[in-house]
Every structure is written in C-alpha cells, then in structure tokens.
Amino acid sequence: MVSEIARNVVNQSLRIREDDVVHVFASGHMLELADEVAMECRRAGAETETLYISDRVWYWSLRELPMNWLRGESKTHLALLDVATAMIWLEAPADPKPMAKISADRWAANSEGADHWYQKEKQRKVRTASFGLPAVTPQRARAYGFSYQAWKRSMEAALSADYSRISEVGRRVRGFFDDSDREVRVTAKNGTDLTFRLAKRKSWIDDGVLDDDDLAAGIFETTLPGGCLQVAPDENSANGKVVFDLPIPQRGKLIRGLSWTFEDGRIKEFSAAKNGEMILPVWNESTGDKDRFGWFEMGFNHAAKTGFLNNEIASGTVTIGVGENKKLGGNNESPFQFQGTLRKATVTVDGQTIVSEGKLTV
C-alpha cells in the first residue's frame, strides 16, 4: 500500500518530472512513506529533499517561543521555496491532545507566520499535494473517540477510489457553478436555511490530480484523498443560518453543534453546543476577513465515509467555510480559515435540486 500511494502521488497527482525539485515534509510516523515518495521522485529524475518535522519541537515552539517568532517569516522555509517546484506534505502531529493547552493568541500568531509561506507558495506556483493519512494515528483516534482500524480502512478506501469516476461526477456538478450568478439554497431538518449567490467564478474540482487544465486555471494544490468541488461565491450574499450536523475535530476535541448566522455575508452569531472554546477564541484573536463567507463545497468521493477527519469529500456532503478564499479566486484576506460539514443537507441551484438529504441527484 505504501509503495502504491507513493507511485500515485508522484506519477499521477503531481506528475513529477526530471526538472523538478521536490520538498517532502514528514512527521516521524510518516518517514517510511516519505522515503518511498523520495525514491519514486528520484526514479523520475527529480531532485528531492526530505524535511523531518518533530512533534516535540513543534509543540515546544508553539508553547515557548516569543510571539514575534511565531508571527515572523521563516527564512529557511522561504528560501526553500526559491528552488522548489513541487511539495508533498506528510505531516501531522501524532497526538493532538497537547493542542488544547496552547492559547488562542499563539494559534493566531502561528497562522500569521504560516501565511508568509503560503503567499510565496502561491506566487511561485509550486505544485503541492497534502495528505490526510498522517492524521490517522492511534493517539488521535483515542482523543476523538474513533475506531482506529475503521478510520484506517476508510482512509485507505478513499485513497484507492476510482478517480476517473470521481472526475466524471465532478464535471457534471461543475456545470451548475462555473461562471454563474445563480442562487444557491442549503437547507436541512436541523434548522439550516442558508441562501447565497454565485459570483461568476470558476469552481475548483479537487480530484487528486493536477492536470494541465488545473495548472492553466491557476490551481496548484490538491489533497489526497480527493473528491470535492469548491467555489468562492459572492462573499456579501450569504443570509440565514447553518447548523453543522457532523462534529468537527479540533485540537484533540470534537466541536458539536457549530452554528453560524450570516447577514449580508458576515457572521452575526458564532456558537457551538459543545467544545466551542476550541475555535471561538482563535477566531476572536484572528484578523482580516475572518467573519466573511468564504466558500461552498460538495463531496463526491464514493468510497469515503463521514465521521472522521475528511467529511468534506464523502459523496453528498456539503461544507461551508469562512475566512481566506484567495486561492479560489475570492476576495477574502485573512490568516483564518474554518469550515463545517453537513451530512444530510438539501441543495438547490436556482430551484433545481442537486443534493437531497445528503444524496447526489445529478
């Protein structure tokens, strides 16, 4: 399985070539896969550098270093981007529990620091693949109350899905969103009733492969496993309420009953039934368009299951996000991004139903 994953990301997702310089970022529990990825890149003739990210040093830095250090530009990371043409992220701390002990202002400062990297990555048009697999650990499963084996099977199934089928569904769905100013309505039996308008922008289909059409459209990032559509609507158009019916894993706890009420695109009420302290203080400490409607997302990976960390790609799910949306062609600028997912939503586009209580109808 490890060798197959490495071959797929190198040869299909990023299409690594002999003129590429590839940086592989890996946590300790991902070093075996990182080695396979590096070897596969070198078979293609590319140069590689593997950067090990220590959980211990990362957590220590977040807790102990001065705020200016966290907010500042990382000279090392920015220098790496001067030569990188592709990056593969196999990074996530194995145990999320220490996250709960880090203050909101430190998380916000760390996001500001990471934004320097992200802006240069976009400017340099570095092809990037980020994996969900590093988050699948026994420690994280225990923290969130997941069955580790069931989660692992779900992730492997989603990674091994029929991606030609996923791309086909994505093309059908895209027809409702691209270059359109139609009205979208999202409803659910839990009290969700949100309307917004599209903004005549291109949608982004993340099917796990960065092909020529993606690159020509300015899309240089993919997430594995893939299987979703994202679009940045009119940021000022969202009105109504969304109550997410799936828990949101955050810093070692599950946020339940997250609810946003929008008025002309801005959040007027941000609340949660349980564990809201995992995100509300971070949101309060953040800056920019943190409270602005950011994106709409639909999932269509037929092999993915909800209830873990990649709810947004499962077929029929609907995700709403706030904050930074520049990569989707939007106008929001902020170091803050956050999203929640609905499992049993109904979606209409100018009155035509495309999702009915969590089932795709197109």
Protein backbone atom coordinates (compact mmCIF):
# COMPACT_ATOMS: atom_id res chain seq x y z
CA MET A 1 0.00 0.00 0.00
CA VAL A 2 2.82 2.42 0.87
CA SER A 3 4.56 1.90 -2.50
CA GLU A 4 1.27 2.28 -4.36
CA ILE A 5 0.50 5.58 -2.59
CA ALA A 6 3.98 6.88 -3.44
CA ARG A 7 3.66 5.93 -7.11
CA ASN A 8 0.24 7.56 -7.38
CA VAL A 9 1.19 10.92 -5.86
CA VAL A 10 4.44 11.17 -7.82
CA ASN A 11 3.30 9.92 -11.22
CA GLN A 12 -0.40 10.81 -11.29
CA SER A 13 -1.21 13.56 -8.79
CA LEU A 14 1.84 15.81 -9.31
CA ARG A 15 3.33 14.24 -12.48
CA ILE A 16 6.88 14.72 -11.26
CA ARG A 17 9.50 15.20 -14.00
CA GLU A 18 13.27 15.21 -14.19
CA ASP A 19 13.43 19.01 -13.98
CA ASP A 20 11.51 19.11 -10.68
CA VAL A 21 12.87 19.96 -7.23
CA VAL A 22 10.62 18.26 -4.68
CA HIS A 23 10.43 19.00 -0.95
CA VAL A 24 8.86 16.25 1.15
CA PHE A 25 7.68 17.30 4.63
CA ALA A 26 7.19 14.39 7.02
CA SER A 27 6.33 13.66 10.63
CA GLY A 28 8.13 10.83 12.38
CA HIS A 29 5.36 8.28 11.85
CA MET A 30 5.35 9.03 8.10
CA LEU A 31 9.05 8.53 7.36
CA GLU A 32 8.54 5.15 5.65
CA LEU A 33 6.11 6.67 3.16
CA ALA A 34 8.34 9.76 2.82
CA ASP A 35 11.24 7.50 1.81
CA GLU A 36 9.09 5.74 -0.79
CA VAL A 37 7.95 9.10 -2.16
CA ALA A 38 11.53 10.41 -2.37
CA MET A 39 12.72 7.27 -4.16
CA GLU A 40 9.83 7.44 -6.63
CA CYS A 41 10.64 11.11 -7.34
CA ARG A 42 14.27 10.25 -7.97
CA ARG A 43 13.26 7.43 -10.30
CA ALA A 44 11.55 10.16 -12.32
CA GLY A 45 14.84 12.09 -12.36
CA ALA A 46 13.84 14.80 -9.87
CA GLU A 47 15.88 16.21 -7.01
CA THR A 48 14.42 15.69 -3.53
CA GLU A 49 14.90 16.94 -0.01
CA THR A 50 13.04 15.40 2.94
CA LEU A 51 12.36 17.66 5.91
CA TYR A 52 11.54 15.93 9.18
CA ILE A 53 9.08 17.80 11.39
CA SER A 54 9.38 16.77 15.04
CA ASP A 55 6.20 16.76 17.13
CA ARG A 56 8.26 17.61 20.20
CA VAL A 57 9.94 20.66 18.68
CA TRP A 58 6.71 21.85 17.03
CA TYR A 59 4.71 21.74 20.26
CA TRP A 60 7.58 23.28 22.25
CA SER A 61 7.83 26.13 19.73
CA LEU A 62 4.11 26.88 19.94
CA ARG A 63 4.22 26.92 23.75
CA GLU A 64 7.53 28.64 24.49
CA LEU A 65 8.81 30.87 21.69
CA PRO A 66 8.11 34.63 21.60
CA MET A 67 5.03 35.74 19.70
CA ASN A 68 7.14 37.71 17.21
CA TRP A 69 8.97 34.50 16.33
CA LEU A 70 5.68 32.72 15.61
CA ARG A 71 4.37 35.61 13.51
CA GLY A 72 7.60 36.17 11.65
CA GLU A 73 8.86 34.95 8.29
CA SER A 74 10.78 31.68 8.38
CA LYS A 75 13.96 32.41 6.40
CA THR A 76 14.61 28.70 5.96
CA HIS A 77 11.17 27.90 4.63
CA LEU A 78 11.04 30.90 2.33
CA ALA A 79 14.49 30.04 0.96
CA LEU A 80 13.31 26.51 0.17
CA LEU A 81 10.53 27.98 -1.94
CA ASP A 82 13.12 29.73 -4.11
CA VAL A 83 14.03 26.38 -5.68
CA ALA A 84 11.00 24.16 -5.07
CA THR A 85 8.74 23.22 -7.97
CA ALA A 86 6.70 20.66 -6.03
CA MET A 87 5.94 19.84 -2.39
CA ILE A 88 4.44 16.79 -0.73
CA TRP A 89 3.07 17.16 2.80
CA LEU A 90 3.08 14.05 5.00
CA GLU A 91 2.86 15.98 8.24
CA ALA A 92 0.56 15.96 11.26
CA PRO A 93 1.37 15.54 14.95
CA ALA A 94 0.61 12.01 16.08
CA ASP A 95 -1.07 13.13 19.32
CA PRO A 96 -3.46 16.12 19.15
CA LYS A 97 -4.07 16.40 22.90
CA PRO A 98 -1.29 18.95 23.62
CA MET A 99 -3.02 21.34 21.21
CA ALA A 100 -5.72 22.05 23.78
CA LYS A 101 -3.11 23.57 26.13
CA ILE A 102 -1.89 26.17 23.63
CA SER A 103 -3.52 29.59 23.95
CA ALA A 104 -5.66 31.13 21.22
CA ASP A 105 -3.30 34.07 20.68
CA ARG A 106 -0.45 31.65 19.98
CA TRP A 107 -2.50 29.73 17.42
CA ALA A 108 -3.41 33.01 15.73
CA ALA A 109 0.23 34.13 15.69
CA ASN A 110 1.31 30.79 14.25
CA SER A 111 -1.26 31.15 11.45
CA GLU A 112 0.11 34.60 10.63
CA GLY A 113 3.60 33.14 10.39
CA ALA A 114 2.46 30.32 8.13
CA ASP A 115 0.73 32.82 5.84
CA HIS A 116 4.11 34.20 4.70
CA TRP A 117 4.94 30.73 3.40
CA TYR A 118 1.53 30.26 1.80
CA GLN A 119 1.62 33.58 -0.06
CA LYS A 120 5.05 32.84 -1.54
CA GLU A 121 3.97 29.29 -2.44
CA LYS A 122 1.08 30.74 -4.45
CA GLN A 123 3.32 33.35 -6.08
CA ARG A 124 5.85 30.69 -7.12
CA LYS A 125 3.07 28.34 -8.37
CA VAL A 126 4.55 25.36 -6.55
CA ARG A 127 2.61 22.15 -7.23
CA THR A 128 1.52 20.79 -3.85
CA ALA A 129 -0.06 17.58 -2.60
CA SER A 130 -1.23 17.34 1.02
CA PHE A 131 -2.19 14.02 2.58
CA GLY A 132 -4.86 13.25 5.15
CA LEU A 133 -3.15 9.97 6.01
CA PRO A 134 -0.65 11.40 8.59
CA ALA A 135 -3.58 12.35 10.84
CA VAL A 136 -4.68 8.71 11.10
CA THR A 137 -2.96 7.66 14.34
CA PRO A 138 -4.00 5.61 17.37
CA GLN A 139 -3.46 8.65 19.61
CA ARG A 140 -5.76 10.86 17.55
CA ALA A 141 -8.35 8.09 17.28
CA ARG A 142 -8.41 7.78 21.08
CA ALA A 143 -8.66 11.55 21.53
CA TYR A 144 -11.68 11.82 19.22
CA GLY A 145 -13.31 8.52 20.14
CA PHE A 146 -12.79 6.95 16.70
CA SER A 147 -12.14 3.30 15.95
CA TYR A 148 -8.56 3.44 14.67
CA GLN A 149 -8.96 0.37 12.45
CA ALA A 150 -12.24 1.62 10.93
CA TRP A 151 -10.68 5.04 10.29
CA LYS A 152 -7.61 3.50 8.68
CA ARG A 153 -9.77 1.30 6.41
CA SER A 154 -11.88 4.32 5.44
CA MET A 155 -8.81 6.39 4.57
CA GLU A 156 -7.25 3.59 2.51
CA ALA A 157 -10.54 3.04 0.66
CA ALA A 158 -10.84 6.74 -0.16
CA LEU A 159 -7.24 6.83 -1.40
CA SER A 160 -7.90 3.79 -3.61
CA ALA A 161 -11.21 5.05 -5.04
CA ASP A 162 -11.97 5.08 -8.77
CA TYR A 163 -10.72 8.59 -9.53
CA SER A 164 -11.95 8.52 -13.12
CA ARG A 165 -15.46 8.09 -11.71
CA ILE A 166 -14.84 10.92 -9.24
CA SER A 167 -13.69 13.21 -12.07
CA GLU A 168 -16.79 12.37 -14.12
CA VAL A 169 -19.15 13.29 -11.28
CA GLY A 170 -17.13 16.47 -10.69
CA ARG A 171 -17.57 17.56 -14.29
CA ARG A 172 -21.35 17.10 -14.04
CA VAL A 173 -21.61 19.05 -10.80
CA ARG A 174 -19.35 21.81 -12.09
CA GLY A 175 -21.92 22.78 -14.71
CA PHE A 176 -24.15 24.24 -12.00
CA PHE A 177 -21.46 26.51 -10.55
CA ASP A 178 -18.95 27.71 -13.16
CA ASP A 179 -19.30 31.30 -14.40
CA SER A 180 -22.75 31.57 -12.84
CA ASP A 181 -24.56 34.07 -10.65
CA ARG A 182 -27.30 31.62 -9.71
CA GLU A 183 -28.87 31.49 -6.27
CA VAL A 184 -27.96 28.54 -4.04
CA ARG A 185 -30.03 27.42 -1.09
CA VAL A 186 -28.84 24.95 1.57
CA THR A 187 -31.43 23.51 3.95
CA ALA A 188 -31.58 20.69 6.49
CA LYS A 189 -34.03 19.40 9.08
CA ASN A 190 -31.77 20.62 11.91
CA GLY A 191 -32.69 24.27 11.25
CA THR A 192 -30.21 25.07 8.50
CA ASP A 193 -31.54 27.51 5.92
CA LEU A 194 -28.85 29.48 4.09
CA THR A 195 -29.03 31.29 0.77
CA PHE A 196 -26.26 32.91 -1.27
CA ARG A 197 -25.40 33.83 -4.83
CA LEU A 198 -22.58 32.64 -7.02
CA ALA A 199 -20.16 35.25 -8.35
CA LYS A 200 -19.45 34.13 -11.94
CA ARG A 201 -16.22 32.44 -10.83
CA LYS A 202 -14.70 29.12 -11.81
CA SER A 203 -15.16 26.26 -9.38
CA TRP A 204 -12.26 24.06 -8.32
CA ILE A 205 -12.59 20.30 -8.69
CA ASP A 206 -10.11 18.57 -6.40
CA ASP A 207 -9.99 15.07 -7.83
CA GLY A 208 -6.49 14.27 -6.58
CA VAL A 209 -4.75 15.03 -9.89
CA LEU A 210 -3.16 18.32 -11.01
CA ASP A 211 -3.64 18.09 -14.77
CA ASP A 212 -2.89 20.64 -17.49
CA ASP A 213 -6.35 22.19 -17.20
CA ASP A 214 -5.85 22.76 -13.46
CA LEU A 215 -2.45 24.38 -13.96
CA ALA A 216 -3.78 26.60 -16.75
CA ALA A 217 -6.57 27.70 -14.43
CA GLY A 218 -4.07 28.62 -11.72
CA ILE A 219 -4.76 25.59 -9.49
CA PHE A 220 -1.57 24.19 -7.98
CA GLU A 221 -2.82 22.36 -4.88
CA THR A 222 -4.50 19.01 -4.35
CA THR A 223 -5.45 16.99 -1.29
CA LEU A 224 -5.32 13.21 -1.05
CA PRO A 225 -7.75 11.56 -0.86
CA GLY A 226 -9.62 13.88 -3.21
CA GLY A 227 -13.18 14.17 -4.38
CA CYS A 228 -14.82 17.55 -3.93
CA LEU A 229 -15.87 20.78 -5.64
CA GLN A 230 -15.11 24.15 -4.09
CA VAL A 231 -16.28 27.57 -5.23
CA ALA A 232 -15.94 31.09 -3.83
CA PRO A 233 -19.43 32.66 -4.08
CA ASP A 234 -20.36 36.32 -3.69
CA GLU A 235 -18.89 36.95 -0.24
CA ASN A 236 -21.56 39.54 0.60
CA SER A 237 -24.56 37.41 -0.36
CA ALA A 238 -24.91 34.83 2.42
CA ASN A 239 -28.00 35.19 4.58
CA GLY A 240 -29.52 32.76 7.02
CA LYS A 241 -28.32 30.07 9.36
CA VAL A 242 -26.25 26.91 9.06
CA VAL A 243 -26.07 24.30 11.83
CA PHE A 244 -23.47 21.62 11.13
CA ASP A 245 -24.71 18.09 11.81
CA LEU A 246 -21.24 16.49 11.85
CA PRO A 247 -18.81 17.05 14.73
CA ILE A 248 -15.65 18.99 13.85
CA PRO A 249 -12.37 17.58 15.22
CA GLN A 250 -10.24 20.42 16.50
CA ARG A 251 -7.14 20.34 18.72
CA GLY A 252 -7.97 16.99 20.31
CA LYS A 253 -11.70 17.55 20.90
CA LEU A 254 -14.91 17.35 18.87
CA ILE A 255 -16.82 20.59 18.34
CA ARG A 256 -20.52 19.72 18.23
CA GLY A 257 -23.47 21.79 17.07
CA LEU A 258 -21.41 24.56 15.48
CA SER A 259 -23.76 27.23 14.17
CA TRP A 260 -23.25 30.35 12.07
CA THR A 261 -25.83 33.03 11.35
CA PHE A 262 -24.99 35.22 8.34
CA GLU A 263 -26.23 38.66 7.42
CA ASP A 264 -25.06 40.07 4.08
CA GLY A 265 -22.09 37.72 4.11
CA ARG A 266 -20.82 38.33 7.64
CA ILE A 267 -21.20 36.13 10.68
CA LYS A 268 -23.52 37.76 13.18
CA GLU A 269 -23.62 34.80 15.55
CA PHE A 270 -20.92 32.15 16.06
CA SER A 271 -21.79 29.46 18.61
CA ALA A 272 -21.37 25.78 19.40
CA ALA A 273 -23.26 23.35 21.61
CA LYS A 274 -20.07 21.70 22.89
CA ASN A 275 -16.33 22.48 22.84
CA GLY A 276 -16.72 25.85 21.14
CA GLU A 277 -13.69 27.01 23.14
CA MET A 278 -11.55 25.00 20.70
CA ILE A 279 -12.18 27.56 17.93
CA LEU A 280 -14.04 30.67 19.20
CA PRO A 281 -11.03 32.24 20.98
CA VAL A 282 -8.84 31.64 17.90
CA TRP A 283 -11.47 33.30 15.72
CA ASN A 284 -11.65 36.26 18.12
CA GLU A 285 -7.86 36.69 18.04
CA SER A 286 -7.64 36.48 14.25
CA THR A 287 -7.67 39.40 11.83
CA GLY A 288 -8.90 40.33 8.37
CA ASP A 289 -11.98 38.80 6.75
CA LYS A 290 -12.24 36.09 9.39
CA ASP A 291 -16.04 36.50 9.66
CA ARG A 292 -16.77 36.71 5.94
CA PHE A 293 -18.49 33.93 3.97
CA GLY A 294 -15.67 32.20 2.10
CA TRP A 295 -16.61 29.09 0.16
CA PHE A 296 -19.11 26.38 -0.65
CA GLU A 297 -18.03 22.76 -1.10
CA MET A 298 -19.63 19.49 -2.22
CA GLY A 299 -18.19 16.00 -1.81
CA PHE A 300 -18.38 13.15 -4.31
CA ASN A 301 -15.79 10.54 -3.32
CA HIS A 302 -17.96 7.40 -3.37
CA ALA A 303 -15.52 5.42 -1.19
CA ALA A 304 -15.10 8.00 1.60
CA LYS A 305 -17.10 7.81 4.82
CA THR A 306 -18.19 10.56 7.20
CA GLY A 307 -17.39 10.57 10.88
CA PHE A 308 -13.62 11.03 10.70
CA LEU A 309 -11.44 13.96 9.50
CA ASN A 310 -12.26 14.13 5.79
CA ASN A 311 -16.03 14.58 5.90
CA GLU A 312 -15.97 17.14 3.11
CA ILE A 313 -15.06 14.63 0.37
CA ALA A 314 -17.74 11.99 1.18
CA SER A 315 -20.40 11.79 -1.51
CA GLY A 316 -23.36 14.09 -0.86
CA THR A 317 -21.82 16.14 1.93
CA VAL A 318 -21.96 19.93 1.93
CA THR A 319 -19.32 22.15 3.51
CA ILE A 320 -19.44 25.87 4.27
CA GLY A 321 -16.28 27.84 5.04
CA VAL A 322 -15.37 31.31 6.29
CA GLY A 323 -12.20 33.37 6.01
CA GLU A 324 -9.38 33.35 3.46
CA ASN A 325 -10.53 32.29 -0.02
CA LYS A 326 -7.98 33.86 -2.38
CA LYS A 327 -6.90 30.50 -3.81
CA LEU A 328 -10.46 30.05 -5.11
CA GLY A 329 -10.45 33.46 -6.79
CA GLY A 330 -12.27 35.15 -3.92
CA ASN A 331 -11.68 38.48 -2.22
CA ASN A 332 -11.26 37.48 1.43
CA GLU A 333 -7.89 38.12 3.06
CA SER A 334 -7.22 36.62 6.48
CA PRO A 335 -4.88 34.17 8.20
CA PHE A 336 -8.06 32.49 9.48
CA GLN A 337 -9.98 29.71 7.73
CA PHE A 338 -12.57 27.38 9.20
CA GLN A 339 -15.28 25.11 7.90
CA GLY A 340 -18.02 22.73 8.94
CA THR A 341 -19.85 19.95 7.11
CA LEU A 342 -23.45 18.82 6.77
CA ARG A 343 -24.20 15.14 6.11
CA LYS A 344 -27.93 15.41 5.36
CA ALA A 345 -28.36 18.73 3.57
CA THR A 346 -30.51 19.54 0.57
CA VAL A 347 -29.03 21.89 -2.03
CA THR A 348 -30.89 23.70 -4.79
CA VAL A 349 -29.38 25.87 -7.52
CA ASP A 350 -31.96 28.28 -8.95
CA GLY A 351 -34.60 25.90 -7.66
CA GLN A 352 -33.12 22.68 -9.13
CA THR A 353 -32.23 20.07 -6.52
CA ILE A 354 -28.71 18.67 -6.86
CA VAL A 355 -28.41 17.16 -3.37
CA SER A 356 -31.39 15.72 -1.50
CA GLU A 357 -30.87 14.98 2.20
CA GLY A 358 -27.26 14.00 1.61
CA LYS A 359 -27.72 12.16 -1.69
CA LEU A 360 -26.42 13.47 -5.01
CA THR A 361 -29.20 13.73 -7.59
CA VAL A 362 -27.10 14.72 -10.62
